[in-house]
Amino acid sequence: MHKAAAWKVAIAAVHLNATTNATNPWIARRLHMGDPDALSRYRSECRSGRCPVAQELLNQLSDSRV
């Protein structure tokens, strides 16, 4: 499984980071995303539009929240 898979970036790097107190090392370890510093980069890429698939998944996740 790819360390920077779009679903991982959307859920872990953005959603979990924004809605929980989970740290980058914890998220990276649990979802096998490699170096925790890379998680910050993935999050930045998603927020800046350089990862459109992850951004679309994040939008869907946000739209489905009550």
C-alpha atoms as a PDB file:
ATOM      1  CA  MET A   1       0.000   0.000   0.000  1.00  0.00           C
ATOM      2  CA  HIS A   2       1.352   3.405  -0.932  1.00  0.00           C
ATOM      3  CA  LYS A   3       2.490   5.582   1.980  1.00  0.00           C
ATOM      4  CA  ALA A   4       0.878   8.686   0.467  1.00  0.00           C
ATOM      5  CA  ALA A   5      -2.304   7.048  -0.838  1.00  0.00           C
ATOM      6  CA  ALA A   6      -4.987   9.694  -1.364  1.00  0.00           C
ATOM      7  CA  TRP A   7      -7.349   8.153   1.185  1.00  0.00           C
ATOM      8  CA  LYS A   8      -4.604   8.140   3.808  1.00  0.00           C
ATOM      9  CA  VAL A   9      -3.731  11.761   3.140  1.00  0.00           C
ATOM     10  CA  ALA A  10      -7.364  12.885   3.274  1.00  0.00           C
ATOM     11  CA  ILE A  11      -8.295  10.991   6.393  1.00  0.00           C
ATOM     12  CA  ALA A  12      -5.079  10.927   8.342  1.00  0.00           C
ATOM     13  CA  ALA A  13      -3.122  13.967   7.395  1.00  0.00           C
ATOM     14  CA  VAL A  14      -6.023  16.368   7.269  1.00  0.00           C
ATOM     15  CA  HIS A  15      -9.162  15.030   8.962  1.00  0.00           C
ATOM     16  CA  LEU A  16      -7.570  13.292  11.960  1.00  0.00           C
ATOM     17  CA  ASN A  17      -5.108  16.082  12.468  1.00  0.00           C
ATOM     18  CA  ALA A  18      -7.886  18.687  12.484  1.00  0.00           C
ATOM     19  CA  THR A  19     -10.379  16.789  14.628  1.00  0.00           C
ATOM     20  CA  THR A  20      -8.251  14.885  17.157  1.00  0.00           C
ATOM     21  CA  ASN A  21      -5.184  15.321  19.313  1.00  0.00           C
ATOM     22  CA  ALA A  22      -3.387  12.562  17.410  1.00  0.00           C
ATOM     23  CA  THR A  23       0.220  13.439  16.709  1.00  0.00           C
ATOM     24  CA  ASN A  24       1.951  13.062  13.356  1.00  0.00           C
ATOM     25  CA  PRO A  25       4.112  10.180  14.677  1.00  0.00           C
ATOM     26  CA  TRP A  26       1.012   8.341  15.939  1.00  0.00           C
ATOM     27  CA  ILE A  27      -0.900   8.827  12.662  1.00  0.00           C
ATOM     28  CA  ALA A  28       2.099   7.909  10.511  1.00  0.00           C
ATOM     29  CA  ARG A  29       2.765   4.769  12.534  1.00  0.00           C
ATOM     30  CA  ARG A  30      -0.855   3.559  12.590  1.00  0.00           C
ATOM     31  CA  LEU A  31      -1.445   4.095   8.872  1.00  0.00           C
ATOM     32  CA  HIS A  32       2.062   3.078   7.764  1.00  0.00           C
ATOM     33  CA  MET A  33       2.734   6.481   6.192  1.00  0.00           C
ATOM     34  CA  GLY A  34       6.481   6.503   6.782  1.00  0.00           C
ATOM     35  CA  ASP A  35       8.316   9.440   8.314  1.00  0.00           C
ATOM     36  CA  PRO A  36       6.060  11.674  10.439  1.00  0.00           C
ATOM     37  CA  ASP A  37       7.667  14.729   8.814  1.00  0.00           C
ATOM     38  CA  ALA A  38       6.328  13.511   5.472  1.00  0.00           C
ATOM     39  CA  LEU A  39       2.835  13.678   6.938  1.00  0.00           C
ATOM     40  CA  SER A  40       3.168  17.450   7.253  1.00  0.00           C
ATOM     41  CA  ARG A  41       4.229  17.628   3.609  1.00  0.00           C
ATOM     42  CA  TYR A  42       1.289  15.472   2.490  1.00  0.00           C
ATOM     43  CA  ARG A  43      -1.098  17.710   4.435  1.00  0.00           C
ATOM     44  CA  SER A  44       0.364  20.847   2.857  1.00  0.00           C
ATOM     45  CA  GLU A  45       0.140  19.334  -0.621  1.00  0.00           C
ATOM     46  CA  CYS A  46      -3.500  18.434  -0.079  1.00  0.00           C
ATOM     47  CA  ARG A  47      -4.439  21.857   1.242  1.00  0.00           C
ATOM     48  CA  SER A  48      -2.620  23.653  -1.571  1.00  0.00           C
ATOM     49  CA  GLY A  49      -4.407  21.656  -4.265  1.00  0.00           C
ATOM     50  CA  ARG A  50      -1.436  19.560  -5.356  1.00  0.00           C
ATOM     51  CA  CYS A  51      -3.262  16.376  -4.414  1.00  0.00           C
ATOM     52  CA  PRO A  52      -6.713  16.742  -6.001  1.00  0.00           C
ATOM     53  CA  VAL A  53      -7.821  13.170  -5.320  1.00  0.00           C
ATOM     54  CA  ALA A  54      -7.160  13.551  -1.599  1.00  0.00           C
ATOM     55  CA  GLN A  55      -8.841  16.953  -1.617  1.00  0.00           C
ATOM     56  CA  GLU A  56     -11.963  15.475  -3.231  1.00  0.00           C
ATOM     57  CA  LEU A  57     -12.049  12.682  -0.643  1.00  0.00           C
ATOM     58  CA  LEU A  58     -11.685  15.257   2.117  1.00  0.00           C
ATOM     59  CA  ASN A  59     -14.556  17.269   0.650  1.00  0.00           C
ATOM     60  CA  GLN A  60     -16.726  14.156   0.587  1.00  0.00           C
ATOM     61  CA  LEU A  61     -15.797  13.399   4.182  1.00  0.00           C
ATOM     62  CA  SER A  62     -16.610  16.958   5.234  1.00  0.00           C
ATOM     63  CA  ASP A  63     -19.943  16.868   3.370  1.00  0.00           C
ATOM     64  CA  SER A  64     -20.945  13.623   5.078  1.00  0.00           C
ATOM     65  CA  ARG A  65     -20.316  14.898   8.615  1.00  0.00           C
ATOM     66  CA  VAL A  66     -23.370  15.813  10.643  1.00  0.00           C
END
